[in-house]
Amino acid sequence: MTSTRKVEARKKYSARRKVLLGFVAVLLAVVAYLHFTGAAGTSGIPSEDMDWDGDGTVTEQEILQAFYAVVVEKTSEGPRECRAYTWRADGRSIRVDCKTVLQPDIPAKE
């Protein structure tokens, strides 16, 4: 009976489970890499704003480009926050979106 228990303990993870776990680990690594390199698709941009060619419609190709071909650089100067979208391959600018963010007043300590 002892050998049966050892065999059952070794088969804790089936081959299907190991493949699924490996797939999830690879997927998380890819998303982390995309976020680290500044991909526009992982920066919180809504899909409606992914019109990279400026024709007024967003296609599936443009949504995919947000993950592999478009990089976003975030900058801030005081209350003004800007996002500059550029092509990853050659650095050509696509557009720059800026907005003013008002900070709440912090009361002075006495």
N, C-alpha and C. Protein backbone atom coordinates (compact mmCIF):
# COMPACT_ATOMS: atom_id res chain seq x y z
N MET A 1 0.81 -1.20 0.00
CA MET A 1 0.00 0.00 0.00
C MET A 1 0.85 1.26 0.00
N THR A 2 2.02 1.20 0.52
CA THR A 2 2.88 2.36 0.58
C THR A 2 3.31 2.79 -0.82
N SER A 3 3.61 1.82 -1.69
CA SER A 3 4.03 2.17 -3.04
C SER A 3 2.88 2.79 -3.84
N THR A 4 1.64 2.39 -3.58
CA THR A 4 0.49 2.96 -4.26
C THR A 4 0.32 4.43 -3.88
N ARG A 5 0.54 4.74 -2.64
CA ARG A 5 0.42 6.13 -2.20
C ARG A 5 1.50 7.01 -2.82
N LYS A 6 2.71 6.46 -2.97
CA LYS A 6 3.78 7.23 -3.59
C LYS A 6 3.46 7.53 -5.05
N VAL A 7 2.89 6.55 -5.75
CA VAL A 7 2.53 6.76 -7.15
C VAL A 7 1.44 7.82 -7.26
N GLU A 8 0.45 7.77 -6.37
CA GLU A 8 -0.62 8.77 -6.38
C GLU A 8 -0.07 10.16 -6.07
N ALA A 9 0.91 10.24 -5.17
CA ALA A 9 1.49 11.53 -4.83
C ALA A 9 2.27 12.10 -6.01
N ARG A 10 2.93 11.25 -6.80
CA ARG A 10 3.68 11.72 -7.96
C ARG A 10 2.76 12.21 -9.07
N LYS A 11 1.58 11.69 -9.18
CA LYS A 11 0.65 12.07 -10.24
C LYS A 11 -0.27 13.20 -9.80
N LYS A 12 0.23 14.06 -8.95
CA LYS A 12 -0.59 15.17 -8.45
C LYS A 12 -1.01 16.10 -9.58
N TYR A 13 -0.08 16.37 -10.51
CA TYR A 13 -0.40 17.24 -11.65
C TYR A 13 -0.39 16.42 -12.93
N SER A 14 -1.50 16.42 -13.62
CA SER A 14 -1.58 15.70 -14.89
C SER A 14 -0.84 16.48 -15.97
N ALA A 15 -0.63 15.84 -17.10
CA ALA A 15 0.05 16.50 -18.21
C ALA A 15 -0.74 17.71 -18.69
N ARG A 16 -2.04 17.59 -18.72
CA ARG A 16 -2.91 18.71 -19.14
C ARG A 16 -2.75 19.90 -18.21
N ARG A 17 -2.67 19.63 -16.91
CA ARG A 17 -2.51 20.71 -15.94
C ARG A 17 -1.15 21.39 -16.08
N LYS A 18 -0.11 20.60 -16.31
CA LYS A 18 1.23 21.16 -16.49
C LYS A 18 1.29 22.04 -17.73
N VAL A 19 0.66 21.60 -18.82
CA VAL A 19 0.65 22.41 -20.04
C VAL A 19 -0.11 23.71 -19.80
N LEU A 20 -1.25 23.64 -19.13
CA LEU A 20 -2.02 24.84 -18.84
C LEU A 20 -1.24 25.79 -17.94
N LEU A 21 -0.57 25.27 -16.93
CA LEU A 21 0.23 26.10 -16.04
C LEU A 21 1.37 26.76 -16.81
N GLY A 22 2.01 26.02 -17.69
CA GLY A 22 3.09 26.59 -18.52
C GLY A 22 2.56 27.67 -19.44
N PHE A 23 1.39 27.45 -20.04
CA PHE A 23 0.79 28.45 -20.92
C PHE A 23 0.48 29.73 -20.16
N VAL A 24 -0.09 29.62 -18.98
CA VAL A 24 -0.42 30.79 -18.17
C VAL A 24 0.86 31.53 -17.77
N ALA A 25 1.91 30.80 -17.43
CA ALA A 25 3.18 31.44 -17.06
C ALA A 25 3.77 32.19 -18.24
N VAL A 26 3.74 31.61 -19.43
CA VAL A 26 4.25 32.28 -20.63
C VAL A 26 3.41 33.51 -20.94
N LEU A 27 2.10 33.40 -20.83
CA LEU A 27 1.22 34.53 -21.09
C LEU A 27 1.49 35.69 -20.14
N LEU A 28 1.68 35.40 -18.87
CA LEU A 28 2.00 36.44 -17.90
C LEU A 28 3.35 37.08 -18.20
N ALA A 29 4.32 36.28 -18.63
CA ALA A 29 5.63 36.82 -18.98
C ALA A 29 5.53 37.76 -20.18
N VAL A 30 4.72 37.41 -21.17
CA VAL A 30 4.54 38.26 -22.35
C VAL A 30 3.89 39.58 -21.97
N VAL A 31 2.85 39.53 -21.15
CA VAL A 31 2.18 40.76 -20.72
C VAL A 31 3.13 41.64 -19.90
N ALA A 32 3.93 41.03 -19.04
CA ALA A 32 4.91 41.80 -18.26
C ALA A 32 5.94 42.46 -19.18
N TYR A 33 6.41 41.74 -20.19
CA TYR A 33 7.37 42.30 -21.14
C TYR A 33 6.75 43.48 -21.91
N LEU A 34 5.52 43.31 -22.38
CA LEU A 34 4.85 44.38 -23.12
C LEU A 34 4.68 45.62 -22.24
N HIS A 35 4.31 45.43 -21.00
CA HIS A 35 4.15 46.57 -20.09
C HIS A 35 5.50 47.24 -19.83
N PHE A 36 6.54 46.44 -19.65
CA PHE A 36 7.88 46.97 -19.39
C PHE A 36 8.40 47.78 -20.57
N THR A 37 8.10 47.36 -21.80
CA THR A 37 8.60 48.06 -22.98
C THR A 37 7.71 49.22 -23.39
N GLY A 38 6.58 49.42 -22.72
CA GLY A 38 5.73 50.58 -23.00
C GLY A 38 4.72 50.39 -24.11
N ALA A 39 4.28 49.17 -24.35
CA ALA A 39 3.29 48.92 -25.40
C ALA A 39 2.01 49.69 -25.09
N ALA A 40 1.43 50.29 -26.11
CA ALA A 40 0.23 51.11 -25.92
C ALA A 40 -0.95 50.25 -25.47
N GLY A 41 -1.01 49.01 -25.87
CA GLY A 41 -2.12 48.13 -25.52
C GLY A 41 -2.22 47.82 -24.04
N THR A 42 -1.11 47.93 -23.33
CA THR A 42 -1.13 47.66 -21.89
C THR A 42 -1.11 48.93 -21.05
N SER A 43 -1.28 50.10 -21.68
CA SER A 43 -1.20 51.35 -20.94
C SER A 43 -2.56 51.91 -20.53
N GLY A 44 -3.62 51.19 -20.82
CA GLY A 44 -4.94 51.64 -20.41
C GLY A 44 -5.67 52.49 -21.43
N ILE A 45 -5.22 52.49 -22.67
CA ILE A 45 -5.89 53.26 -23.72
C ILE A 45 -7.14 52.51 -24.17
N PRO A 46 -8.28 53.18 -24.28
CA PRO A 46 -9.49 52.51 -24.76
C PRO A 46 -9.35 52.15 -26.24
N SER A 47 -10.01 51.10 -26.65
CA SER A 47 -9.89 50.65 -28.04
C SER A 47 -10.42 51.68 -29.03
N GLU A 48 -11.32 52.56 -28.60
CA GLU A 48 -11.85 53.61 -29.49
C GLU A 48 -10.75 54.60 -29.89
N ASP A 49 -9.69 54.71 -29.08
CA ASP A 49 -8.61 55.66 -29.35
C ASP A 49 -7.44 55.03 -30.10
N MET A 50 -7.59 53.81 -30.59
CA MET A 50 -6.51 53.11 -31.28
C MET A 50 -6.57 53.30 -32.79
N ASP A 51 -7.03 54.42 -33.24
CA ASP A 51 -7.10 54.73 -34.67
C ASP A 51 -5.77 55.32 -35.10
N TRP A 52 -4.78 54.46 -35.40
CA TRP A 52 -3.42 54.90 -35.66
C TRP A 52 -3.26 55.56 -37.02
N ASP A 53 -4.11 55.22 -38.00
CA ASP A 53 -3.96 55.83 -39.32
C ASP A 53 -4.86 57.06 -39.50
N GLY A 54 -5.71 57.36 -38.52
CA GLY A 54 -6.51 58.58 -38.56
C GLY A 54 -7.65 58.57 -39.54
N ASP A 55 -8.16 57.39 -39.93
CA ASP A 55 -9.25 57.33 -40.90
C ASP A 55 -10.63 57.36 -40.24
N GLY A 56 -10.69 57.39 -38.92
CA GLY A 56 -11.97 57.48 -38.22
C GLY A 56 -12.55 56.16 -37.79
N THR A 57 -11.98 55.05 -38.20
CA THR A 57 -12.45 53.73 -37.78
C THR A 57 -11.30 52.94 -37.17
N VAL A 58 -11.63 52.12 -36.19
CA VAL A 58 -10.64 51.28 -35.53
C VAL A 58 -10.84 49.85 -36.01
N THR A 59 -9.81 49.29 -36.63
CA THR A 59 -9.89 47.92 -37.13
C THR A 59 -9.20 46.97 -36.16
N GLU A 60 -9.41 45.67 -36.37
CA GLU A 60 -8.75 44.67 -35.53
C GLU A 60 -7.23 44.77 -35.68
N GLN A 61 -6.76 45.08 -36.88
CA GLN A 61 -5.33 45.23 -37.12
C GLN A 61 -4.75 46.36 -36.26
N GLU A 62 -5.47 47.46 -36.14
CA GLU A 62 -4.98 48.58 -35.34
C GLU A 62 -4.98 48.23 -33.86
N ILE A 63 -5.94 47.44 -33.41
CA ILE A 63 -5.95 47.01 -32.01
C ILE A 63 -4.75 46.12 -31.74
N LEU A 64 -4.43 45.21 -32.66
CA LEU A 64 -3.26 44.35 -32.50
C LEU A 64 -1.97 45.17 -32.53
N GLN A 65 -1.93 46.20 -33.37
CA GLN A 65 -0.74 47.05 -33.45
C GLN A 65 -0.46 47.74 -32.12
N ALA A 66 -1.50 47.99 -31.33
CA ALA A 66 -1.31 48.62 -30.03
C ALA A 66 -0.45 47.76 -29.12
N PHE A 67 -0.40 46.46 -29.36
CA PHE A 67 0.38 45.57 -28.51
C PHE A 67 1.79 45.32 -29.03
N TYR A 68 1.98 45.32 -30.35
CA TYR A 68 3.31 44.97 -30.84
C TYR A 68 4.01 46.09 -31.61
N ALA A 69 3.31 47.12 -32.07
CA ALA A 69 3.95 48.11 -32.93
C ALA A 69 3.91 49.54 -32.40
N VAL A 70 3.08 49.84 -31.42
CA VAL A 70 2.93 51.21 -30.93
C VAL A 70 3.41 51.30 -29.48
N VAL A 71 4.23 52.31 -29.21
CA VAL A 71 4.78 52.54 -27.87
C VAL A 71 4.24 53.87 -27.35
N VAL A 72 3.95 53.92 -26.05
CA VAL A 72 3.47 55.15 -25.44
C VAL A 72 4.48 55.62 -24.39
N GLU A 73 4.74 56.92 -24.40
CA GLU A 73 5.62 57.52 -23.41
C GLU A 73 4.81 58.55 -22.62
N LYS A 74 4.74 58.34 -21.31
CA LYS A 74 3.97 59.23 -20.45
C LYS A 74 4.88 60.26 -19.82
N THR A 75 4.45 61.53 -19.87
CA THR A 75 5.20 62.61 -19.24
C THR A 75 4.22 63.49 -18.46
N SER A 76 4.74 64.19 -17.48
CA SER A 76 3.89 65.13 -16.73
C SER A 76 4.72 66.33 -16.31
N GLU A 77 4.10 67.50 -16.43
CA GLU A 77 4.69 68.76 -15.99
C GLU A 77 3.64 69.48 -15.17
N GLY A 78 3.78 69.41 -13.88
CA GLY A 78 2.77 70.01 -13.01
C GLY A 78 1.45 69.29 -13.18
N PRO A 79 0.37 70.05 -13.44
CA PRO A 79 -0.94 69.40 -13.59
C PRO A 79 -1.18 68.83 -15.00
N ARG A 80 -0.25 69.05 -15.92
CA ARG A 80 -0.43 68.60 -17.31
C ARG A 80 0.22 67.24 -17.51
N GLU A 81 -0.58 66.26 -17.97
CA GLU A 81 -0.09 64.91 -18.25
C GLU A 81 -0.24 64.63 -19.74
N CYS A 82 0.81 64.15 -20.38
CA CYS A 82 0.79 63.87 -21.81
C CYS A 82 1.19 62.43 -22.09
N ARG A 83 0.62 61.89 -23.16
CA ARG A 83 0.98 60.56 -23.67
C ARG A 83 1.35 60.72 -25.13
N ALA A 84 2.58 60.37 -25.46
CA ALA A 84 3.07 60.45 -26.84
C ALA A 84 3.10 59.04 -27.42
N TYR A 85 2.35 58.83 -28.50
CA TYR A 85 2.29 57.53 -29.16
C TYR A 85 3.22 57.55 -30.38
N THR A 86 4.12 56.57 -30.45
CA THR A 86 5.07 56.47 -31.56
C THR A 86 5.14 55.03 -32.06
N TRP A 87 5.62 54.87 -33.30
CA TRP A 87 5.84 53.54 -33.86
C TRP A 87 7.09 52.95 -33.24
N ARG A 88 7.03 51.70 -32.84
CA ARG A 88 8.16 51.04 -32.21
C ARG A 88 9.35 50.90 -33.17
N ALA A 89 9.08 50.64 -34.44
CA ALA A 89 10.14 50.34 -35.40
C ALA A 89 11.05 51.55 -35.67
N ASP A 90 10.47 52.71 -35.93
CA ASP A 90 11.29 53.85 -36.34
C ASP A 90 11.13 55.09 -35.47
N GLY A 91 10.24 55.06 -34.50
CA GLY A 91 10.08 56.19 -33.59
C GLY A 91 9.28 57.35 -34.15
N ARG A 92 8.64 57.18 -35.32
CA ARG A 92 7.82 58.26 -35.87
C ARG A 92 6.62 58.51 -34.96
N SER A 93 6.29 59.76 -34.78
CA SER A 93 5.19 60.14 -33.91
C SER A 93 3.84 59.86 -34.58
N ILE A 94 2.90 59.33 -33.81
CA ILE A 94 1.53 59.13 -34.29
C ILE A 94 0.67 60.29 -33.81
N ARG A 95 0.69 60.52 -32.51
CA ARG A 95 -0.05 61.65 -31.93
C ARG A 95 0.36 61.84 -30.48
N VAL A 96 -0.02 62.99 -29.92
CA VAL A 96 0.23 63.29 -28.52
C VAL A 96 -1.10 63.72 -27.90
N ASP A 97 -1.49 63.04 -26.83
CA ASP A 97 -2.71 63.38 -26.09
C ASP A 97 -2.31 63.99 -24.75
N CYS A 98 -2.80 65.21 -24.47
CA CYS A 98 -2.49 65.88 -23.21
C CYS A 98 -3.78 66.23 -22.49
N LYS A 99 -3.72 66.21 -21.17
CA LYS A 99 -4.86 66.64 -20.37
C LYS A 99 -4.34 67.27 -19.09
N THR A 100 -5.18 68.11 -18.49
CA THR A 100 -4.84 68.76 -17.23
C THR A 100 -5.58 68.05 -16.11
N VAL A 101 -4.82 67.61 -15.12
CA VAL A 101 -5.38 66.89 -13.99
C VAL A 101 -5.28 67.80 -12.77
N LEU A 102 -6.42 68.12 -12.19
CA LEU A 102 -6.45 68.98 -11.01
C LEU A 102 -6.27 68.13 -9.76
N GLN A 103 -5.33 68.54 -8.93
CA GLN A 103 -5.08 67.84 -7.67
C GLN A 103 -5.93 68.48 -6.58
N PRO A 104 -6.44 67.67 -5.66
CA PRO A 104 -7.22 68.26 -4.55
C PRO A 104 -6.32 69.10 -3.65
N ASP A 105 -6.91 70.15 -3.10
CA ASP A 105 -6.17 71.01 -2.18
C ASP A 105 -5.85 70.25 -0.90
N ILE A 106 -4.59 70.37 -0.47
CA ILE A 106 -4.17 69.71 0.76
C ILE A 106 -4.11 70.78 1.85
N PRO A 107 -4.88 70.62 2.92
CA PRO A 107 -4.85 71.65 3.96
C PRO A 107 -3.49 71.68 4.65
N ALA A 108 -3.06 72.90 4.99
CA ALA A 108 -1.77 73.08 5.66
C ALA A 108 -1.87 72.60 7.09
N LYS A 109 -0.81 71.97 7.57
CA LYS A 109 -0.77 71.51 8.96
C LYS A 109 -0.39 72.68 9.86
N GLU A 110 -0.99 72.69 11.01
CA GLU A 110 -0.71 73.79 11.95
C GLU A 110 0.43 73.46 12.83
